[in-house]
Amino acid sequence: MKLKKNIAISETGFIFDPTTGDSFTLNPTGLELLGMLRHEKSFDEISSAFTTKYDVDATSFERYYVDFLATLKMMQLVEDNE
């Protein structure tokens, strides 16, 4: 899954989809995760970074990660890699 290229993301976590006109706001942690996705980091790289930096175990992080990706997909901010 890749973040759509036309999505605009500000440094403060404001996201704008020019295709739909929708906008969203992320907290700093969500913004950090989205940045890693934008730079096409692997799940293992992202998981390692988050479990090292934050007080979260790998199993819990994986659940949060899957939920986050599902939300991005629901908001039509990502496209499937095919």
Protein backbone atom coordinates (compact mmCIF):
# COMPACT_ATOMS: atom_id res chain seq x y z
CA MET A 1 0.00 0.00 0.00
CA LYS A 2 1.38 3.42 -0.98
CA LEU A 3 0.29 6.91 -0.06
CA LYS A 4 -1.24 8.69 -3.06
CA LYS A 5 1.26 11.06 -4.62
CA ASN A 6 -1.07 14.06 -4.85
CA ILE A 7 -1.80 14.13 -1.10
CA ALA A 8 -0.53 17.31 0.55
CA ILE A 9 0.81 16.97 4.10
CA SER A 10 1.84 19.93 6.25
CA GLU A 11 4.45 19.82 9.01
CA THR A 12 1.67 20.26 11.56
CA GLY A 13 -0.27 17.17 10.46
CA PHE A 14 -2.85 18.77 8.18
CA ILE A 15 -3.61 16.48 5.22
CA PHE A 16 -5.39 17.62 2.07
CA ASP A 17 -6.61 15.42 -0.77
CA PRO A 18 -7.01 17.68 -3.82
CA THR A 19 -8.88 14.97 -5.71
CA THR A 20 -11.79 14.88 -3.25
CA GLY A 21 -11.33 18.17 -1.39
CA ASP A 22 -11.22 16.26 1.89
CA SER A 23 -8.91 17.31 4.71
CA PHE A 24 -7.76 15.51 7.83
CA THR A 25 -5.59 16.22 10.84
CA LEU A 26 -3.07 13.82 12.39
CA ASN A 27 -1.46 13.90 15.80
CA PRO A 28 2.38 13.98 15.90
CA THR A 29 2.66 10.18 16.14
CA GLY A 30 0.34 9.65 13.17
CA LEU A 31 2.28 12.26 11.23
CA GLU A 32 5.54 10.45 11.99
CA LEU A 33 4.07 7.15 10.83
CA LEU A 34 2.66 8.71 7.68
CA GLY A 35 6.06 10.22 6.90
CA MET A 36 7.67 6.80 7.15
CA LEU A 37 5.02 5.37 4.82
CA ARG A 38 5.61 8.21 2.39
CA HIS A 39 9.31 7.32 2.35
CA GLU A 40 8.32 3.70 1.64
CA LYS A 41 9.80 2.25 4.84
CA SER A 42 9.03 -1.41 5.38
CA PHE A 43 6.78 -2.61 8.19
CA ASP A 44 9.84 -4.02 9.99
CA GLU A 45 11.67 -0.67 9.78
CA ILE A 46 8.64 1.21 11.05
CA SER A 47 7.93 -1.30 13.81
CA SER A 48 11.52 -1.21 14.99
CA ALA A 49 11.57 2.58 15.07
CA PHE A 50 8.29 2.86 16.99
CA THR A 51 8.95 0.08 19.50
CA THR A 52 12.35 1.61 20.25
CA LYS A 53 11.14 5.19 20.54
CA TYR A 54 7.79 4.65 22.26
CA ASP A 55 6.58 2.47 25.12
CA VAL A 56 4.83 -0.09 22.92
CA ASP A 57 5.43 -3.78 22.35
CA ALA A 58 5.65 -5.24 18.84
CA THR A 59 2.27 -7.01 19.01
CA SER A 60 0.41 -3.87 20.10
CA PHE A 61 2.22 -1.77 17.50
CA GLU A 62 1.24 -4.18 14.74
CA ARG A 63 -2.43 -3.87 15.75
CA TYR A 64 -2.21 -0.04 15.77
CA TYR A 65 -0.38 -0.09 12.42
CA VAL A 66 -3.04 -2.27 10.76
CA ASP A 67 -5.80 -0.02 12.16
CA PHE A 68 -3.98 3.08 10.90
CA LEU A 69 -3.61 1.61 7.40
CA ALA A 70 -7.29 0.63 7.38
CA THR A 71 -8.22 4.21 8.27
CA LEU A 72 -5.99 5.60 5.50
CA LYS A 73 -7.61 3.20 3.03
CA MET A 74 -11.11 4.13 4.21
CA MET A 75 -10.24 7.82 3.73
CA GLN A 76 -8.93 6.96 0.24
CA LEU A 77 -5.45 8.32 0.97
CA VAL A 78 -3.61 5.19 -0.18
CA GLU A 79 -3.55 2.98 -3.24
CA ASP A 80 -2.81 -0.73 -3.37
CA ASN A 81 0.53 -1.76 -4.85
CA GLU A 82 -0.17 -3.91 -7.87
